[in-house]
Structure formats: C-alpha cells, structure tokens
Amino acid sequence: MNILAFDTCFDGCSVCLAEWRQGVVVERSARMERFEAGHAERLIPMIGEAMEEARLRFDELERIAVTIGPGTFTGTRIGIAAARSLALATGVGTVGASSLAVMAEVARRKIRPDVLAVVVDARRGEVYAQLFGSGGGCDAISPPQLLSVEEAALLGGRGPIVFVGSGATLVAAVAARQGRDARAALPDLLPDAVALAHLATSLEVSDAPLIPFYLRPPDAKPQDGKAIARL
C-alpha cells in the first residue's frame, strides 16, 4: 500500500511517501522544512518533489494521511484542505491523526521513555498537551487537551515523566519544583510525516470528510455590533 503523509500544523511542513509492505512501513521519500509561515506555498511543491523522487503517480496512491490538529488555525486548515482536495481528485481514502500523537511517535523512536507528555506552547500561559505510554503515538493515555502550565506539570500523577515539545522546558521546571522526577527533551520537536506514515497503517479510513481539531477558537472573529452583521 502506497501512503502519502503530510503535516502543516505548527512551524514547519513535512511530507513522506511510504509503502506498507508485509507489515513493514518502508520510507520512499521525505521532506521537512521549518518555517512559521508559507505552508500554503510550499506544501504542494513538496508533495510533487516527494512523488517524483519516489517515482510514484497519484493514481498509485492508496492512502492519504494528514495531521488534523491541534495546531495553528491556518496551518491545520491548509493540510486538511490539501488532503481533501487530493482525495477528491484521486478517489483515495484519507486518515487523520492528532499532531500530538505524531510527535509522540517521533519522540518514542528517539528517546524511548516509559511515559511521556507532549506539551506544545500555545501561548497565554497554556500548552497543548497529551500523555502517552511507551508505545508512543499508538499508546495515548489521555486525550489532547489545552492546559495551563501548572496543570500540564501534573499529567500522569506524581511519577517520573519526560516532557517533549516546545513547552517541555517550562512544564518540566514547574513539575520539578513540585517535587516530581521530570525532565525535558526534544524542545524543537515537530510532527514528522515519516512518523505519520507509520501511524497511518493502524488508522481506519472514514467516508466522512476530515475536519480540523481545535482546542481553542480562532483569534479572528466576525465583527459584531454593526448595522449589517458580516456572514
């Protein structure tokens, strides 16, 4: 099974073409670039570059995987819109995965902790957070949540824990002050489409269209109090 996986949820863009062969995921081509803006401009060219390197045609794809959030409002929507468009054009089934689960899968492969919490800086003193066991992205212990730094420091109780992600240093420091055996790792961690391709093999294709998963409403809102309300 040929899988196209990509992510645009945070400060980067990644694409992977992989083949699921006899229970093993084999990476055929991959791209990752870090930037805060420009996802819409780079995603489709990156997909084209990866397809060319893998020597695959779009009619040879059998699954499209994308991260559905949490993440930035615009970045998350760009990835989902691309997945829905490609699925409509090719007839290929889509699967969506939590960006935090993909990050946990990356972390599992790098540091192999017994318990880890992915904590991503969401600003305003809050983090996107999710707790995972040793199985990484397939071993979620809690749902994705929007928590204060203090609340995130208590994830998983009082036992030893590794925090990963852009909020890891701050949350681990708070946990340590509370007397917990906590450490921070991988502060530059982002979702990686290679890890997403691995997770995609265990996700069921749905007939329903993919929708963004937000833990916070967008900052931009329609104006109120005008003579004619904006639609």
Protein backbone atom coordinates (compact mmCIF):
# COMPACT_ATOMS: atom_id res chain seq x y z
CA MET A 1 0.00 0.00 0.00
CA ASN A 2 1.41 3.38 -1.04
CA ILE A 3 0.89 6.13 1.54
CA LEU A 4 1.19 9.89 1.14
CA ALA A 5 1.51 11.61 4.54
CA PHE A 6 1.96 15.30 5.31
CA ASP A 7 1.76 17.82 8.17
CA THR A 8 1.37 21.60 8.35
CA CYS A 9 0.09 22.06 11.92
CA PHE A 10 2.93 24.05 13.52
CA ASP A 11 6.12 25.86 12.47
CA GLY A 12 7.06 23.56 9.66
CA CYS A 13 5.91 21.41 6.77
CA SER A 14 6.75 17.75 6.19
CA VAL A 15 5.85 15.22 3.51
CA CYS A 16 6.52 11.49 3.23
CA LEU A 17 5.86 8.85 0.61
CA ALA A 18 5.97 5.37 2.11
CA GLU A 19 5.00 1.83 1.22
CA TRP A 20 3.39 -0.60 3.64
CA ARG A 21 4.83 -3.94 2.61
CA GLN A 22 4.24 -7.20 4.52
CA GLY A 23 3.54 -5.38 7.77
CA VAL A 24 6.55 -3.06 7.44
CA VAL A 25 6.47 0.62 6.50
CA VAL A 26 9.25 1.45 4.03
CA GLU A 27 10.06 5.14 3.50
CA ARG A 28 10.48 6.00 -0.18
CA SER A 29 10.96 9.77 0.01
CA ALA A 30 10.55 12.51 2.62
CA ARG A 31 10.85 16.27 3.03
CA MET A 32 10.79 18.53 6.09
CA GLU A 33 11.19 22.30 6.25
CA ARG A 34 10.87 24.62 9.25
CA PHE A 35 9.14 28.00 8.90
CA GLU A 36 6.40 29.97 10.65
CA ALA A 37 4.52 31.00 7.51
CA GLY A 38 4.35 29.86 3.91
CA HIS A 39 2.72 26.43 4.35
CA ALA A 40 0.25 27.04 1.51
CA GLU A 41 3.04 27.98 -0.89
CA ARG A 42 5.35 25.05 -0.06
CA LEU A 43 3.09 22.07 0.66
CA ILE A 44 2.04 21.18 -2.89
CA PRO A 45 5.54 21.67 -4.38
CA MET A 46 6.96 19.50 -1.59
CA ILE A 47 4.41 16.80 -2.37
CA GLY A 48 5.37 16.99 -6.04
CA GLU A 49 9.08 16.72 -5.21
CA ALA A 50 8.50 13.70 -2.95
CA MET A 51 6.29 11.99 -5.54
CA GLU A 52 8.93 12.50 -8.23
CA GLU A 53 11.71 11.15 -6.01
CA ALA A 54 9.60 8.11 -5.09
CA ARG A 55 8.70 7.64 -8.77
CA LEU A 56 5.02 7.39 -7.94
CA ARG A 57 1.97 8.68 -9.77
CA PHE A 58 -1.05 10.00 -7.90
CA ASP A 59 -3.18 7.14 -9.26
CA GLU A 60 -0.82 4.73 -7.49
CA LEU A 61 -1.60 6.16 -4.03
CA GLU A 62 -3.77 4.03 -1.76
CA ARG A 63 -3.96 6.16 1.39
CA ILE A 64 -3.55 9.84 2.25
CA ALA A 65 -2.71 10.75 5.84
CA VAL A 66 -2.69 14.22 7.40
CA THR A 67 -2.47 15.76 10.85
CA ILE A 68 -5.79 17.34 11.84
CA GLY A 69 -4.63 19.35 14.88
CA PRO A 70 -4.25 20.75 17.38
CA GLY A 71 -2.09 23.39 15.73
CA THR A 72 -2.22 26.84 14.26
CA PHE A 73 -5.59 27.74 12.79
CA THR A 74 -4.30 28.45 9.29
CA GLY A 75 -1.69 25.69 9.14
CA THR A 76 -4.12 22.99 10.21
CA ARG A 77 -6.71 24.05 7.65
CA ILE A 78 -4.12 24.11 4.84
CA GLY A 79 -3.16 20.49 5.45
CA ILE A 80 -6.74 19.26 5.68
CA ALA A 81 -7.82 21.21 2.60
CA ALA A 82 -4.96 19.67 0.62
CA ALA A 83 -5.84 16.16 1.80
CA ARG A 84 -9.50 16.61 0.93
CA SER A 85 -8.65 18.02 -2.50
CA LEU A 86 -6.26 15.18 -3.33
CA ALA A 87 -8.77 12.61 -2.11
CA LEU A 88 -11.49 14.13 -4.28
CA ALA A 89 -9.24 14.16 -7.34
CA THR A 90 -7.85 10.64 -6.91
CA GLY A 91 -10.57 8.76 -5.05
CA VAL A 92 -8.02 7.71 -2.42
CA GLY A 93 -9.17 7.26 1.19
CA THR A 94 -7.94 9.63 3.89
CA VAL A 95 -7.00 9.21 7.54
CA GLY A 96 -6.36 11.92 10.12
CA ALA A 97 -4.12 11.79 13.17
CA SER A 98 -3.55 14.09 16.13
CA SER A 99 -0.44 16.22 15.68
CA LEU A 100 0.46 15.38 19.29
CA ALA A 101 0.25 11.64 18.59
CA VAL A 102 2.62 12.05 15.64
CA MET A 103 5.05 13.98 17.86
CA ALA A 104 4.83 11.23 20.48
CA GLU A 105 5.71 8.68 17.82
CA VAL A 106 8.77 10.72 16.82
CA ALA A 107 9.82 11.03 20.48
CA ARG A 108 9.36 7.30 21.13
CA ARG A 109 11.78 6.48 18.35
CA LYS A 110 14.39 8.92 19.68
CA ILE A 111 14.34 8.59 23.48
CA ARG A 112 12.11 5.56 24.29
CA PRO A 113 10.64 6.75 27.62
CA ASP A 114 8.15 4.71 29.68
CA VAL A 115 5.81 7.71 30.00
CA LEU A 116 5.96 10.95 28.06
CA ALA A 117 3.83 14.03 27.69
CA VAL A 118 3.84 16.08 24.51
CA VAL A 119 3.46 19.73 25.52
CA VAL A 120 3.40 22.41 22.81
CA ASP A 121 3.47 26.10 23.65
CA ALA A 122 0.00 27.52 22.91
CA ARG A 123 0.89 30.95 24.39
CA ARG A 124 -1.13 32.77 27.07
CA GLY A 125 0.47 30.52 29.70
CA GLU A 126 -1.09 27.40 28.17
CA VAL A 127 0.08 24.32 26.30
CA TYR A 128 -1.46 21.74 24.01
CA ALA A 129 -0.82 18.56 25.97
CA GLN A 130 -1.32 14.81 25.73
CA LEU A 131 0.04 11.90 27.76
CA PHE A 132 1.40 8.73 26.14
CA GLY A 133 2.81 5.41 27.27
CA SER A 134 5.86 3.58 25.95
CA GLY A 135 4.00 2.74 22.72
CA GLY A 136 4.24 6.33 21.51
CA GLY A 137 1.55 7.70 19.23
CA CYS A 138 -0.47 4.46 19.36
CA ASP A 139 -0.47 4.47 23.17
CA ALA A 140 -2.43 7.56 24.23
CA ILE A 141 -3.24 7.70 27.95
CA SER A 142 -5.13 10.99 27.87
CA PRO A 143 -6.96 12.94 25.15
CA PRO A 144 -5.40 16.07 23.64
CA GLN A 145 -6.06 18.99 25.99
CA LEU A 146 -5.44 22.71 26.36
CA LEU A 147 -3.93 23.11 29.84
CA SER A 148 -2.20 25.72 31.95
CA VAL A 149 1.49 25.06 32.54
CA GLU A 150 0.71 24.12 36.15
CA GLU A 151 -1.97 21.64 35.08
CA ALA A 152 0.31 20.11 32.46
CA ALA A 153 3.00 19.57 35.10
CA LEU A 154 0.60 17.18 36.87
CA LEU A 155 -0.12 14.98 33.85
CA GLY A 156 0.21 11.32 34.76
CA GLY A 157 0.20 11.91 38.51
CA ARG A 158 3.40 12.18 40.55
CA GLY A 159 5.52 9.51 38.89
CA PRO A 160 8.59 10.03 36.66
CA ILE A 161 7.86 11.62 33.31
CA VAL A 162 9.55 13.08 30.24
CA PHE A 163 8.09 16.22 28.68
CA VAL A 164 8.75 16.83 24.98
CA GLY A 165 7.89 19.68 22.66
CA SER A 166 8.23 23.45 22.67
CA GLY A 167 6.63 23.72 26.13
CA ALA A 168 8.76 20.95 27.67
CA THR A 169 11.41 23.08 29.42
CA LEU A 170 8.86 25.29 31.17
CA VAL A 171 6.49 22.49 32.17
CA ALA A 172 9.31 20.22 33.40
CA ALA A 173 10.68 23.06 35.56
CA VAL A 174 7.28 23.56 37.19
CA ALA A 175 6.93 19.80 37.74
CA ALA A 176 10.39 19.63 39.32
CA ARG A 177 9.52 22.46 41.71
CA GLN A 178 6.53 20.39 42.76
CA GLY A 179 8.95 17.58 43.73
CA ARG A 180 8.41 15.43 40.68
CA ASP A 181 11.06 13.43 38.79
CA ALA A 182 10.60 15.26 35.49
CA ARG A 183 12.90 16.12 32.64
CA ALA A 184 12.56 17.97 29.35
CA ALA A 185 13.66 16.65 25.97
CA LEU A 186 13.33 17.48 22.28
CA PRO A 187 12.25 21.14 22.68
CA ASP A 188 12.38 21.60 18.88
CA LEU A 189 10.11 18.62 18.24
CA LEU A 190 7.61 18.93 15.36
CA PRO A 191 5.23 16.43 13.79
CA ASP A 192 7.11 14.41 11.17
CA ALA A 193 5.32 12.94 8.16
CA VAL A 194 7.52 9.84 8.35
CA ALA A 195 6.08 9.03 11.78
CA LEU A 196 2.60 9.88 10.48
CA ALA A 197 3.03 7.36 7.65
CA HIS A 198 3.77 4.68 10.25
CA LEU A 199 0.70 5.61 12.29
CA ALA A 200 -1.48 5.72 9.17
CA THR A 201 -1.35 1.95 8.77
CA SER A 202 -3.26 1.49 12.04
CA LEU A 203 -5.94 4.12 11.32
CA GLU A 204 -9.25 3.32 9.65
CA VAL A 205 -10.26 5.19 6.52
CA SER A 206 -13.51 7.10 7.05
CA ASP A 207 -16.07 8.13 4.45
CA ALA A 208 -16.69 11.34 6.38
CA PRO A 209 -14.64 14.38 5.29
CA LEU A 210 -11.71 15.30 7.53
CA ILE A 211 -12.34 18.28 9.81
CA PRO A 212 -9.86 20.35 11.85
CA PHE A 213 -9.44 19.52 15.53
CA TYR A 214 -9.07 22.74 17.51
CA LEU A 215 -8.61 23.09 21.25
CA ARG A 216 -9.05 26.86 21.13
CA PRO A 217 -11.31 29.01 18.94
CA PRO A 218 -9.59 31.20 16.32
CA ASP A 219 -8.49 34.68 17.39
CA ALA A 220 -10.09 36.27 14.33
CA LYS A 221 -13.85 36.62 14.74
CA PRO A 222 -16.63 38.23 12.67
CA GLN A 223 -17.39 41.80 13.73
CA ASP A 224 -20.40 42.39 15.96
CA GLY A 225 -22.46 45.46 16.71
CA LYS A 226 -22.62 46.71 13.13
CA ALA A 227 -25.75 47.74 11.29
CA ILE A 228 -25.34 44.75 8.98
CA ALA A 229 -23.66 41.72 10.52
CA ARG A 230 -20.92 40.06 8.48
CA LEU A 231 -21.62 36.49 7.38
